[in-house]
Amino acid sequence: MSRRIESHFLAGPAGRLEALVEEPEDGAPHSAVLVCHPHPLYGGTMHNKVVFRIARGLRRAGLVVLRFNFRGVGRSQGEYAHIAGEIEDARAALRWLRQRYQGPFALAGFSFGAQVITRLGCALEGARFLMAVGHPTERGNDYLEDCPVPKIFVQSTHDEFGPRPELETLYAKLAQPKQLIWVEAADHFFAGGLDELEQAVKTSVEAVAQGEMDKRWA
């Protein structure tokens, strides 16, 4: 059975947002997840290869996935708004997703998208988990330290925007529950490690779904 995929335009705070919603290939989804893409000013879109792999790993784990383009990207209206506006875009997209799919929800994002979803998710109640892939370390991350939401970090071993020593220092300060997964790859975009990235996404989310957080997370 092939996956079900639909194109939508969602009502956003700066105009319509171009989006794709994808359901799992096998059976009804047990959760819904919003996935956010890299920086709009540096070529980031919902079709980015890392974002695609994250979305596929999540679908394989049984989640329905909503990807969308931030304002000013692709066919989404508006202009780049220095992360504050993009957080509001994500909030609007998440609202749409939760209205359509009742039940548990989560957020995931790559690079700039990881910053968006952690900033949004740490201020919300009820998110099942936040998955930050390729999380940058050069900007202020103090808001993460007391964030009570379960956090999954998936990082390339050679990420130039989130180097291993810097991310490990940040991670050590964060509140539980949390998990850090290193993927052997050549750069921030997981060159040579995309298959492993996708599998890490799937496996970590399956552990959450099976209630094994206490066993696997540290």
C-alpha atoms as a PDB file:
ATOM      1  CA  MET A   1       0.000   0.000   0.000  1.00  0.00           C
ATOM      2  CA  SER A   2       1.472   3.376  -1.027  1.00  0.00           C
ATOM      3  CA  ARG A   3       1.391   6.275   1.377  1.00  0.00           C
ATOM      4  CA  ARG A   4      -1.454   8.756   1.250  1.00  0.00           C
ATOM      5  CA  ILE A   5      -0.194  12.265   0.476  1.00  0.00           C
ATOM      6  CA  GLU A   6      -2.217  15.455   0.115  1.00  0.00           C
ATOM      7  CA  SER A   7      -1.311  19.041  -0.802  1.00  0.00           C
ATOM      8  CA  HIS A   8      -2.906  21.852   1.173  1.00  0.00           C
ATOM      9  CA  PHE A   9      -2.804  25.583   1.673  1.00  0.00           C
ATOM     10  CA  LEU A  10      -3.156  26.456   5.362  1.00  0.00           C
ATOM     11  CA  ALA A  11      -4.185  29.779   6.842  1.00  0.00           C
ATOM     12  CA  GLY A  12      -1.076  31.368   8.314  1.00  0.00           C
ATOM     13  CA  PRO A  13      -0.479  34.647  10.149  1.00  0.00           C
ATOM     14  CA  ALA A  14       1.145  36.225   7.070  1.00  0.00           C
ATOM     15  CA  GLY A  15      -0.993  34.530   4.407  1.00  0.00           C
ATOM     16  CA  ARG A  16      -1.385  31.024   3.088  1.00  0.00           C
ATOM     17  CA  LEU A  17       1.163  28.328   3.886  1.00  0.00           C
ATOM     18  CA  GLU A  18       1.971  25.614   1.359  1.00  0.00           C
ATOM     19  CA  ALA A  19       1.872  22.185   2.995  1.00  0.00           C
ATOM     20  CA  LEU A  20       1.949  18.418   2.507  1.00  0.00           C
ATOM     21  CA  VAL A  21       0.283  15.910   4.805  1.00  0.00           C
ATOM     22  CA  GLU A  22       1.370  12.261   4.610  1.00  0.00           C
ATOM     23  CA  GLU A  23      -0.167   9.290   6.393  1.00  0.00           C
ATOM     24  CA  PRO A  24       1.657   6.046   7.210  1.00  0.00           C
ATOM     25  CA  GLU A  25       1.713   3.284   4.633  1.00  0.00           C
ATOM     26  CA  ASP A  26       0.347   0.684   7.064  1.00  0.00           C
ATOM     27  CA  GLY A  27      -2.623   1.355   9.300  1.00  0.00           C
ATOM     28  CA  ALA A  28      -4.002   4.424  11.033  1.00  0.00           C
ATOM     29  CA  PRO A  29      -1.517   6.867  12.617  1.00  0.00           C
ATOM     30  CA  HIS A  30      -1.072   6.721  16.390  1.00  0.00           C
ATOM     31  CA  SER A  31       0.212  10.322  16.588  1.00  0.00           C
ATOM     32  CA  ALA A  32       0.527  13.444  14.448  1.00  0.00           C
ATOM     33  CA  VAL A  33       3.794  15.338  13.967  1.00  0.00           C
ATOM     34  CA  LEU A  34       4.716  18.699  12.476  1.00  0.00           C
ATOM     35  CA  VAL A  35       8.087  18.861  10.663  1.00  0.00           C
ATOM     36  CA  CYS A  36       9.871  22.181  10.028  1.00  0.00           C
ATOM     37  CA  HIS A  37      12.546  22.889   7.421  1.00  0.00           C
ATOM     38  CA  PRO A  38      15.947  24.681   7.457  1.00  0.00           C
ATOM     39  CA  HIS A  39      16.590  28.410   7.158  1.00  0.00           C
ATOM     40  CA  PRO A  40      14.418  30.133   4.525  1.00  0.00           C
ATOM     41  CA  LEU A  41      17.187  32.530   3.484  1.00  0.00           C
ATOM     42  CA  TYR A  42      19.650  29.718   2.710  1.00  0.00           C
ATOM     43  CA  GLY A  43      17.564  27.510   0.474  1.00  0.00           C
ATOM     44  CA  GLY A  44      15.571  25.687   3.138  1.00  0.00           C
ATOM     45  CA  THR A  45      12.264  24.174   2.027  1.00  0.00           C
ATOM     46  CA  MET A  46       9.959  21.348   3.061  1.00  0.00           C
ATOM     47  CA  HIS A  47      11.529  19.317   0.220  1.00  0.00           C
ATOM     48  CA  ASN A  48      15.025  19.420   1.757  1.00  0.00           C
ATOM     49  CA  LYS A  49      16.556  15.920   1.671  1.00  0.00           C
ATOM     50  CA  VAL A  50      17.067  15.763   5.440  1.00  0.00           C
ATOM     51  CA  VAL A  51      13.499  16.923   6.081  1.00  0.00           C
ATOM     52  CA  PHE A  52      12.246  14.280   3.646  1.00  0.00           C
ATOM     53  CA  ARG A  53      14.185  11.557   5.493  1.00  0.00           C
ATOM     54  CA  ILE A  54      12.915  12.749   8.868  1.00  0.00           C
ATOM     55  CA  ALA A  55       9.352  12.674   7.555  1.00  0.00           C
ATOM     56  CA  ARG A  56       9.769   9.195   6.099  1.00  0.00           C
ATOM     57  CA  GLY A  57      11.271   7.847   9.323  1.00  0.00           C
ATOM     58  CA  LEU A  58       8.342   9.279  11.269  1.00  0.00           C
ATOM     59  CA  ARG A  59       5.811   7.779   8.857  1.00  0.00           C
ATOM     60  CA  ARG A  60       7.529   4.403   9.121  1.00  0.00           C
ATOM     61  CA  ALA A  61       7.111   4.682  12.889  1.00  0.00           C
ATOM     62  CA  GLY A  62       3.350   5.112  12.440  1.00  0.00           C
ATOM     63  CA  LEU A  63       2.858   8.886  12.577  1.00  0.00           C
ATOM     64  CA  VAL A  64       0.991  11.176  10.207  1.00  0.00           C
ATOM     65  CA  VAL A  65       3.366  13.961   9.106  1.00  0.00           C
ATOM     66  CA  LEU A  66       2.671  17.566   8.146  1.00  0.00           C
ATOM     67  CA  ARG A  67       5.469  19.389   6.321  1.00  0.00           C
ATOM     68  CA  PHE A  68       5.044  22.999   5.246  1.00  0.00           C
ATOM     69  CA  ASN A  69       6.970  25.921   3.793  1.00  0.00           C
ATOM     70  CA  PHE A  70       7.595  28.890   6.057  1.00  0.00           C
ATOM     71  CA  ARG A  71       6.356  32.290   4.920  1.00  0.00           C
ATOM     72  CA  GLY A  72       8.045  33.468   1.726  1.00  0.00           C
ATOM     73  CA  VAL A  73       9.224  29.970   0.729  1.00  0.00           C
ATOM     74  CA  GLY A  74       7.821  28.156  -2.312  1.00  0.00           C
ATOM     75  CA  ARG A  75       4.151  29.070  -2.647  1.00  0.00           C
ATOM     76  CA  SER A  76       3.780  30.280   0.938  1.00  0.00           C
ATOM     77  CA  GLN A  77       2.951  33.959   1.261  1.00  0.00           C
ATOM     78  CA  GLY A  78       4.764  36.581   3.307  1.00  0.00           C
ATOM     79  CA  GLU A  79       8.404  37.393   4.021  1.00  0.00           C
ATOM     80  CA  TYR A  80      11.086  36.052   6.342  1.00  0.00           C
ATOM     81  CA  ALA A  81      10.421  37.266   9.887  1.00  0.00           C
ATOM     82  CA  HIS A  82      13.601  36.492  11.881  1.00  0.00           C
ATOM     83  CA  ILE A  83      12.324  33.275  13.557  1.00  0.00           C
ATOM     84  CA  ALA A  84       9.547  34.993  15.548  1.00  0.00           C
ATOM     85  CA  GLY A  85       7.223  34.943  12.542  1.00  0.00           C
ATOM     86  CA  GLU A  86       8.278  31.436  11.576  1.00  0.00           C
ATOM     87  CA  ILE A  87       7.379  30.206  15.070  1.00  0.00           C
ATOM     88  CA  GLU A  88       3.907  31.645  14.509  1.00  0.00           C
ATOM     89  CA  ASP A  89       3.744  29.877  11.136  1.00  0.00           C
ATOM     90  CA  ALA A  90       4.533  26.613  12.914  1.00  0.00           C
ATOM     91  CA  ARG A  91       1.924  27.343  15.568  1.00  0.00           C
ATOM     92  CA  ALA A  92      -0.729  27.844  12.864  1.00  0.00           C
ATOM     93  CA  ALA A  93       0.310  24.659  11.040  1.00  0.00           C
ATOM     94  CA  LEU A  94       0.233  22.672  14.285  1.00  0.00           C
ATOM     95  CA  ARG A  95      -3.236  24.015  15.060  1.00  0.00           C
ATOM     96  CA  TRP A  96      -4.459  22.781  11.663  1.00  0.00           C
ATOM     97  CA  LEU A  97      -2.847  19.383  12.193  1.00  0.00           C
ATOM     98  CA  ARG A  98      -4.359  18.922  15.641  1.00  0.00           C
ATOM     99  CA  GLN A  99      -7.813  19.911  14.439  1.00  0.00           C
ATOM    100  CA  ARG A 100      -7.663  17.298  11.686  1.00  0.00           C
ATOM    101  CA  TYR A 101      -6.017  14.526  13.706  1.00  0.00           C
ATOM    102  CA  GLN A 102      -7.233  14.300  17.270  1.00  0.00           C
ATOM    103  CA  GLY A 103      -4.883  12.686  19.767  1.00  0.00           C
ATOM    104  CA  PRO A 104      -1.169  12.805  20.620  1.00  0.00           C
ATOM    105  CA  PHE A 105       1.064  15.259  18.775  1.00  0.00           C
ATOM    106  CA  ALA A 106       4.771  15.966  18.429  1.00  0.00           C
ATOM    107  CA  LEU A 107       7.135  18.363  16.657  1.00  0.00           C
ATOM    108  CA  ALA A 108      10.303  17.786  14.649  1.00  0.00           C
ATOM    109  CA  GLY A 109      12.638  20.041  12.713  1.00  0.00           C
ATOM    110  CA  PHE A 110      16.009  20.283  11.014  1.00  0.00           C
ATOM    111  CA  SER A 111      18.565  23.050  11.652  1.00  0.00           C
ATOM    112  CA  PHE A 112      16.634  26.364  11.782  1.00  0.00           C
ATOM    113  CA  GLY A 113      13.514  24.213  11.918  1.00  0.00           C
ATOM    114  CA  ALA A 114      14.885  22.526  15.049  1.00  0.00           C
ATOM    115  CA  GLN A 115      15.148  25.917  16.740  1.00  0.00           C
ATOM    116  CA  VAL A 116      11.597  26.776  15.705  1.00  0.00           C
ATOM    117  CA  ILE A 117      10.033  23.581  17.026  1.00  0.00           C
ATOM    118  CA  THR A 118      11.957  23.574  20.305  1.00  0.00           C
ATOM    119  CA  ARG A 119      11.077  27.198  21.013  1.00  0.00           C
ATOM    120  CA  LEU A 120       7.431  26.522  20.219  1.00  0.00           C
ATOM    121  CA  GLY A 121       7.226  23.094  21.812  1.00  0.00           C
ATOM    122  CA  CYS A 122       8.860  24.077  25.095  1.00  0.00           C
ATOM    123  CA  ALA A 123       6.185  26.766  25.512  1.00  0.00           C
ATOM    124  CA  LEU A 124       3.282  24.390  24.823  1.00  0.00           C
ATOM    125  CA  GLU A 125       1.657  21.751  26.956  1.00  0.00           C
ATOM    126  CA  GLY A 126       1.101  18.195  25.834  1.00  0.00           C
ATOM    127  CA  ALA A 127       3.684  17.533  23.114  1.00  0.00           C
ATOM    128  CA  ARG A 128       4.679  13.869  23.131  1.00  0.00           C
ATOM    129  CA  PHE A 129       8.240  14.728  22.099  1.00  0.00           C
ATOM    130  CA  LEU A 130      10.392  17.311  20.340  1.00  0.00           C
ATOM    131  CA  MET A 131      12.855  16.004  17.767  1.00  0.00           C
ATOM    132  CA  ALA A 132      15.693  18.416  16.985  1.00  0.00           C
ATOM    133  CA  VAL A 133      17.835  17.261  14.059  1.00  0.00           C
ATOM    134  CA  GLY A 134      21.049  19.160  13.314  1.00  0.00           C
ATOM    135  CA  HIS A 135      20.380  21.607  16.141  1.00  0.00           C
ATOM    136  CA  PRO A 136      22.632  24.693  15.817  1.00  0.00           C
ATOM    137  CA  THR A 137      24.640  25.730  18.869  1.00  0.00           C
ATOM    138  CA  GLU A 138      25.707  29.259  17.943  1.00  0.00           C
ATOM    139  CA  ARG A 139      22.517  30.966  19.150  1.00  0.00           C
ATOM    140  CA  GLY A 140      21.042  31.273  22.613  1.00  0.00           C
ATOM    141  CA  ASN A 141      19.643  27.969  23.813  1.00  0.00           C
ATOM    142  CA  ASP A 142      18.933  28.855  27.437  1.00  0.00           C
ATOM    143  CA  TYR A 143      15.224  28.204  26.947  1.00  0.00           C
ATOM    144  CA  LEU A 144      15.986  24.486  26.562  1.00  0.00           C
ATOM    145  CA  GLU A 145      17.537  24.058  29.984  1.00  0.00           C
ATOM    146  CA  ASP A 146      14.247  23.926  31.896  1.00  0.00           C
ATOM    147  CA  CYS A 147      12.095  22.527  29.077  1.00  0.00           C
ATOM    148  CA  PRO A 148      10.081  19.616  30.542  1.00  0.00           C
ATOM    149  CA  VAL A 149       9.017  18.135  27.204  1.00  0.00           C
ATOM    150  CA  PRO A 150      10.776  14.913  26.099  1.00  0.00           C
ATOM    151  CA  LYS A 151      13.609  15.938  23.764  1.00  0.00           C
ATOM    152  CA  ILE A 152      15.318  13.845  21.087  1.00  0.00           C
ATOM    153  CA  PHE A 153      18.469  15.291  19.501  1.00  0.00           C
ATOM    154  CA  VAL A 154      19.801  13.652  16.347  1.00  0.00           C
ATOM    155  CA  GLN A 155      23.115  15.114  15.235  1.00  0.00           C
ATOM    156  CA  SER A 156      25.769  14.441  12.606  1.00  0.00           C
ATOM    157  CA  THR A 157      29.177  13.585  14.043  1.00  0.00           C
ATOM    158  CA  HIS A 158      30.681  16.302  11.821  1.00  0.00           C
ATOM    159  CA  ASP A 159      28.037  19.029  12.062  1.00  0.00           C
ATOM    160  CA  GLU A 160      29.725  22.355  11.401  1.00  0.00           C
ATOM    161  CA  PHE A 161      26.819  24.332  12.900  1.00  0.00           C
ATOM    162  CA  GLY A 162      26.427  22.129  15.968  1.00  0.00           C
ATOM    163  CA  PRO A 163      29.871  20.644  16.675  1.00  0.00           C
ATOM    164  CA  ARG A 164      29.969  17.624  18.944  1.00  0.00           C
ATOM    165  CA  PRO A 165      31.766  19.279  21.904  1.00  0.00           C
ATOM    166  CA  GLU A 166      29.363  22.237  21.877  1.00  0.00           C
ATOM    167  CA  LEU A 167      26.237  20.123  21.577  1.00  0.00           C
ATOM    168  CA  GLU A 168      27.375  17.746  24.326  1.00  0.00           C
ATOM    169  CA  THR A 169      27.978  20.730  26.626  1.00  0.00           C
ATOM    170  CA  LEU A 170      24.503  22.059  25.860  1.00  0.00           C
ATOM    171  CA  TYR A 171      22.895  18.649  26.238  1.00  0.00           C
ATOM    172  CA  ALA A 172      24.422  18.117  29.687  1.00  0.00           C
ATOM    173  CA  LYS A 173      22.563  21.206  30.962  1.00  0.00           C
ATOM    174  CA  LEU A 174      19.128  20.135  29.771  1.00  0.00           C
ATOM    175  CA  ALA A 175      16.295  18.876  31.905  1.00  0.00           C
ATOM    176  CA  GLN A 176      15.121  15.292  31.607  1.00  0.00           C
ATOM    177  CA  PRO A 177      13.716  13.462  29.746  1.00  0.00           C
ATOM    178  CA  LYS A 178      16.155  13.663  26.867  1.00  0.00           C
ATOM    179  CA  GLN A 179      18.018  11.531  24.355  1.00  0.00           C
ATOM    180  CA  LEU A 180      21.025  12.255  22.132  1.00  0.00           C
ATOM    181  CA  ILE A 181      21.746  10.176  19.019  1.00  0.00           C
ATOM    182  CA  TRP A 182      24.922  10.627  16.962  1.00  0.00           C
ATOM    183  CA  VAL A 183      24.829   9.696  13.287  1.00  0.00           C
ATOM    184  CA  GLU A 184      28.130   9.106  11.506  1.00  0.00           C
ATOM    185  CA  ALA A 185      28.017  11.615   8.635  1.00  0.00           C
ATOM    186  CA  ALA A 186      30.302  14.057   6.846  1.00  0.00           C
ATOM    187  CA  ASP A 187      28.513  17.350   7.491  1.00  0.00           C
ATOM    188  CA  HIS A 188      25.462  19.235   8.772  1.00  0.00           C
ATOM    189  CA  PHE A 189      23.334  17.753   5.979  1.00  0.00           C
ATOM    190  CA  PHE A 190      24.168  14.169   6.973  1.00  0.00           C
ATOM    191  CA  ALA A 191      26.192  13.416   3.830  1.00  0.00           C
ATOM    192  CA  GLY A 192      26.843   9.677   3.752  1.00  0.00           C
ATOM    193  CA  GLY A 193      24.527   9.117   6.715  1.00  0.00           C
ATOM    194  CA  LEU A 194      20.980   9.732   5.485  1.00  0.00           C
ATOM    195  CA  ASP A 195      19.939   6.083   5.748  1.00  0.00           C
ATOM    196  CA  GLU A 196      21.217   5.911   9.322  1.00  0.00           C
ATOM    197  CA  LEU A 197      19.457   9.196  10.124  1.00  0.00           C
ATOM    198  CA  GLU A 198      16.126   7.880   8.876  1.00  0.00           C
ATOM    199  CA  GLN A 199      16.516   4.676  10.872  1.00  0.00           C
ATOM    200  CA  ALA A 200      17.481   6.609  14.014  1.00  0.00           C
ATOM    201  CA  VAL A 201      14.335   8.719  13.675  1.00  0.00           C
ATOM    202  CA  LYS A 202      12.161   5.632  13.294  1.00  0.00           C
ATOM    203  CA  THR A 203      13.762   3.670  16.129  1.00  0.00           C
ATOM    204  CA  SER A 204      13.732   6.504  18.666  1.00  0.00           C
ATOM    205  CA  VAL A 205      10.074   7.316  18.019  1.00  0.00           C
ATOM    206  CA  GLU A 206       9.074   3.663  18.213  1.00  0.00           C
ATOM    207  CA  ALA A 207      10.666   3.548  21.671  1.00  0.00           C
ATOM    208  CA  VAL A 208       8.527   6.511  22.747  1.00  0.00           C
ATOM    209  CA  ALA A 209       5.406   4.858  21.322  1.00  0.00           C
ATOM    210  CA  GLN A 210       6.159   1.640  23.184  1.00  0.00           C
ATOM    211  CA  GLY A 211       6.557   3.461  26.473  1.00  0.00           C
ATOM    212  CA  GLU A 212      10.255   2.601  26.793  1.00  0.00           C
ATOM    213  CA  MET A 213      11.434   6.107  27.576  1.00  0.00           C
ATOM    214  CA  ASP A 214      12.605   5.224  31.081  1.00  0.00           C
ATOM    215  CA  LYS A 215      14.660   2.318  29.758  1.00  0.00           C
ATOM    216  CA  ARG A 216      16.377   4.055  26.849  1.00  0.00           C
ATOM    217  CA  TRP A 217      16.569   7.717  27.729  1.00  0.00           C
ATOM    218  CA  ALA A 218      19.224   9.247  29.933  1.00  0.00           C
END
